[in-house]
Each structure stands twice: as structure tokens, then as C-alpha cells.
């Protein structure tokens, strides 16, 4: 018998998952162009949103609620100064004046810190609530188990002495 020649074409290696799609590339190009067109706002947001950026990169990926809370509160701190920048004059000098003003940066960063505090306090309250709910459930299970033992005996709970009948 003659051997069959393997005429399979070499498969192209699959694109790695870290490559962006065409839509993603277009979005990034548009985002960069928009950032350049609105450079004063980009500067203010770049400096003002530093706590959010650090929370995104420092925090673990499964804890998205923390990052979302910090970003929301940080953005809430930035919005009044962005509106001030847009309403007065949208220039690089006006943006630098807001960034160099310690009071405005303090408001923005305290808002981000408030996001951390919200996350910390809500996490504590929710974990305490869930713990108490679990304790109550365990008490209810034990009460039900005692009721079943009183009606059916120790065998229902798996407490049978196997040494009697042997």
C-alpha cells in the first residue's frame, strides 16, 4: 500500500487575544484625536483622574465594584471644574490654572477618597449583614434538626451506634 501524502496546508497561527480588532483600533484612534482636540479638558481629566487610574491598575480585576465606585466619585469631583473650564475659556492656560490650584485638586482627590470610603463602609455593612443572615440560617437548621431528632430519634441525624448488632 502506498503511503498517503499529507497535503494539509499549514494553518496560520491564531491571532493572539491581546490584539485589537479593527473597531477597537478605530475607537482608539478617535479617542486619541478627541483627546488632542480637547487638550485642556484632557489635561484636567488626566491629572484629576489619577486616583481612578491607580485604582484600576493596583486593584485586582475581580473587584470591579471598588474601581467603579472610585471612578464615579472621582468623576463627580472633576465635573465642576470641567464645566468651569468650558464656561470661561477652553484654553491650556485655564486648564493649568485649575490643575495648579491646590483647592480644586483637593476637592477632586477628596471626592476620590470618598469613593474609597464608600467602598470600605459598604463592604463592611454587607459582610456583616451576610454573616448575621448565615448565623440565623444555622440556628434555624439546628432547631429543625432538634425537632426531627425528637420525633424520629438519633438515627435521623446519622448518630447510630453500629457496635450493637455486630
Protein backbone atom coordinates (compact mmCIF):
# COMPACT_ATOMS: atom_id res chain seq x y z
CA UNK A 1 0.00 0.00 0.00
CA UNK A 2 1.22 3.38 -0.86
CA UNK A 3 1.51 5.95 1.85
CA UNK A 4 -0.80 8.88 1.52
CA UNK A 5 0.97 12.18 1.38
CA UNK A 6 -0.08 14.63 3.99
CA UNK A 7 -1.33 17.53 1.93
CA UNK A 8 -2.60 19.60 4.79
CA UNK A 9 -1.93 23.26 4.48
CA UNK A 10 -0.08 24.85 7.31
CA UNK A 11 -2.54 26.60 9.50
CA UNK A 12 -1.92 30.21 10.24
CA UNK A 13 -1.31 30.82 13.90
CA UNK A 14 -4.38 32.18 15.58
CA UNK A 15 -4.33 35.84 16.38
CA UNK A 16 -3.35 36.41 19.95
CA UNK A 17 -6.03 37.66 22.26
CA UNK A 18 -4.18 40.88 23.05
CA UNK A 19 -4.56 42.24 19.52
CA UNK A 20 -7.29 44.76 18.97
CA UNK A 21 -10.00 44.41 16.37
CA UNK A 22 -10.47 46.95 13.61
CA UNK A 23 -13.34 48.57 15.51
CA UNK A 24 -11.18 48.77 18.60
CA UNK A 25 -8.37 50.41 16.66
CA UNK A 26 -10.74 52.94 15.11
CA UNK A 27 -12.19 53.70 18.54
CA UNK A 28 -8.71 54.25 19.99
CA UNK A 29 -7.69 56.50 17.10
CA UNK A 30 -10.88 58.52 17.50
CA UNK A 31 -10.36 58.69 21.26
CA UNK A 32 -6.80 59.98 20.81
CA UNK A 33 -7.88 62.55 18.22
CA UNK A 34 -10.68 63.73 20.50
CA UNK A 35 -8.19 64.00 23.36
CA UNK A 36 -5.90 66.12 21.21
CA UNK A 37 -8.78 68.32 20.05
CA UNK A 38 -9.89 68.88 23.64
CA UNK A 39 -6.38 69.08 25.10
CA UNK A 40 -7.23 71.39 28.04
CA UNK A 41 -10.00 69.04 29.16
CA UNK A 42 -7.72 66.04 28.60
CA UNK A 43 -5.06 67.62 30.80
CA UNK A 44 -7.55 68.33 33.58
CA UNK A 45 -9.01 64.82 33.40
CA UNK A 46 -5.58 63.22 33.15
CA UNK A 47 -4.39 64.86 36.36
CA UNK A 48 -7.76 64.77 38.11
CA UNK A 49 -8.49 61.11 37.42
CA UNK A 50 -5.12 59.81 38.67
CA UNK A 51 -6.71 58.11 41.72
CA UNK A 52 -9.04 56.21 39.39
CA UNK A 53 -6.21 55.18 37.10
CA UNK A 54 -4.15 53.95 40.03
CA UNK A 55 -7.16 52.09 41.49
CA UNK A 56 -7.68 50.39 38.14
CA UNK A 57 -4.10 49.17 37.84
CA UNK A 58 -3.45 48.39 41.50
CA UNK A 59 -6.72 46.62 42.29
CA UNK A 60 -7.50 43.07 41.24
CA UNK A 61 -9.75 42.53 38.24
CA UNK A 62 -12.48 40.65 40.11
CA UNK A 63 -13.20 43.61 42.37
CA UNK A 64 -14.75 45.88 39.76
CA UNK A 65 -17.18 47.43 42.22
CA UNK A 66 -14.35 49.19 44.04
CA UNK A 67 -12.94 50.68 40.86
CA UNK A 68 -16.41 51.71 39.67
CA UNK A 69 -17.12 53.48 42.96
CA UNK A 70 -13.80 55.32 42.90
CA UNK A 71 -14.19 56.32 39.24
CA UNK A 72 -17.74 57.60 39.81
CA UNK A 73 -16.79 59.72 42.82
CA UNK A 74 -13.58 60.94 41.17
CA UNK A 75 -15.53 61.97 38.06
CA UNK A 76 -18.06 63.74 40.28
CA UNK A 77 -15.17 65.72 41.75
CA UNK A 78 -13.83 66.62 38.29
CA UNK A 79 -17.11 67.67 36.68
CA UNK A 80 -17.48 71.11 38.35
CA UNK A 81 -14.00 72.11 37.21
CA UNK A 82 -14.57 70.80 33.69
CA UNK A 83 -17.75 72.87 33.50
CA UNK A 84 -15.80 75.87 34.80
CA UNK A 85 -13.17 75.28 32.12
CA UNK A 86 -15.78 75.00 29.38
CA UNK A 87 -17.82 78.00 30.51
CA UNK A 88 -14.99 80.51 30.99
CA UNK A 89 -12.42 79.69 28.34
CA UNK A 90 -11.24 76.39 26.99
CA UNK A 91 -7.52 77.11 26.87
CA UNK A 92 -4.43 75.31 28.05
CA UNK A 93 -3.62 78.17 30.46
CA UNK A 94 -7.06 77.98 32.10
CA UNK A 95 -6.68 74.23 32.47
CA UNK A 96 -3.21 74.63 34.03
CA UNK A 97 -4.61 77.25 36.41
CA UNK A 98 -7.21 74.74 37.65
CA UNK A 99 -4.61 71.97 37.92
CA UNK A 100 -2.19 74.20 39.83
CA UNK A 101 -4.90 75.42 42.21
CA UNK A 102 -4.50 73.33 45.36
CA UNK A 103 -8.11 73.81 46.42
CA UNK A 104 -9.52 72.40 43.18
CA UNK A 105 -7.15 69.41 43.26
CA UNK A 106 -8.03 68.84 46.91
CA UNK A 107 -11.75 68.75 46.02
CA UNK A 108 -11.12 66.27 43.20
CA UNK A 109 -8.89 63.97 45.26
CA UNK A 110 -11.12 64.11 48.35
CA UNK A 111 -14.02 63.04 46.14
CA UNK A 112 -11.96 60.01 45.05
CA UNK A 113 -11.10 59.31 48.70
CA UNK A 114 -14.81 59.46 49.46
CA UNK A 115 -15.25 56.73 46.83
CA UNK A 116 -12.75 54.59 48.75
CA UNK A 117 -14.67 55.29 51.97
CA UNK A 118 -17.98 54.33 50.39
CA UNK A 119 -16.48 51.06 49.17
CA UNK A 120 -14.92 50.33 52.56
CA UNK A 121 -18.09 51.08 54.55
CA UNK A 122 -20.50 49.31 52.21
CA UNK A 123 -18.24 46.25 52.13
CA UNK A 124 -18.27 46.15 55.94
CA UNK A 125 -22.02 46.58 56.20
CA UNK A 126 -22.77 43.96 53.56
CA UNK A 127 -20.36 41.41 55.02
CA UNK A 128 -21.82 41.95 58.50
CA UNK A 129 -25.35 41.53 57.14
CA UNK A 130 -24.45 38.33 55.29
CA UNK A 131 -22.71 36.92 58.38
CA UNK A 132 -25.77 37.59 60.55
CA UNK A 133 -28.02 36.07 57.90
CA UNK A 134 -25.85 32.94 57.90
CA UNK A 135 -25.95 32.72 61.71
CA UNK A 136 -29.75 32.96 61.68
CA UNK A 137 -29.94 30.28 58.99
CA UNK A 138 -27.68 28.00 61.03
CA UNK A 139 -29.89 28.49 64.11
CA UNK A 140 -32.98 27.62 62.05
CA UNK A 141 -31.30 24.47 60.72
CA UNK A 142 -30.28 23.36 64.22
CA UNK A 143 -33.81 23.99 65.53
CA UNK A 144 -35.28 21.95 62.68
CA UNK A 145 -32.72 19.19 63.31
CA UNK A 146 -33.65 19.06 67.02
CA UNK A 147 -37.32 18.79 66.07
CA UNK A 148 -36.59 15.90 63.68
CA UNK A 149 -34.44 14.11 66.28
CA UNK A 150 -37.18 14.45 68.91
CA UNK A 151 -39.74 12.88 66.54
CA UNK A 152 -37.60 10.29 64.73
CA UNK A 153 -34.71 9.57 67.09
CA UNK A 154 -30.94 9.91 66.82
CA UNK A 155 -30.79 7.76 63.68
CA UNK A 156 -32.19 10.59 61.57
CA UNK A 157 -29.13 12.71 62.35
CA UNK A 158 -26.70 9.91 61.49
CA UNK A 159 -25.83 9.23 65.14
CA UNK A 160 -26.33 5.46 65.12
CA UNK A 161 -24.16 3.19 67.26
CA UNK A 162 -23.01 0.42 64.88
CA UNK A 163 -21.45 -1.72 67.64
CA UNK A 164 -24.82 -3.03 68.95
CA UNK A 165 -25.80 -5.57 66.31
CA UNK A 166 -22.42 -6.99 65.32
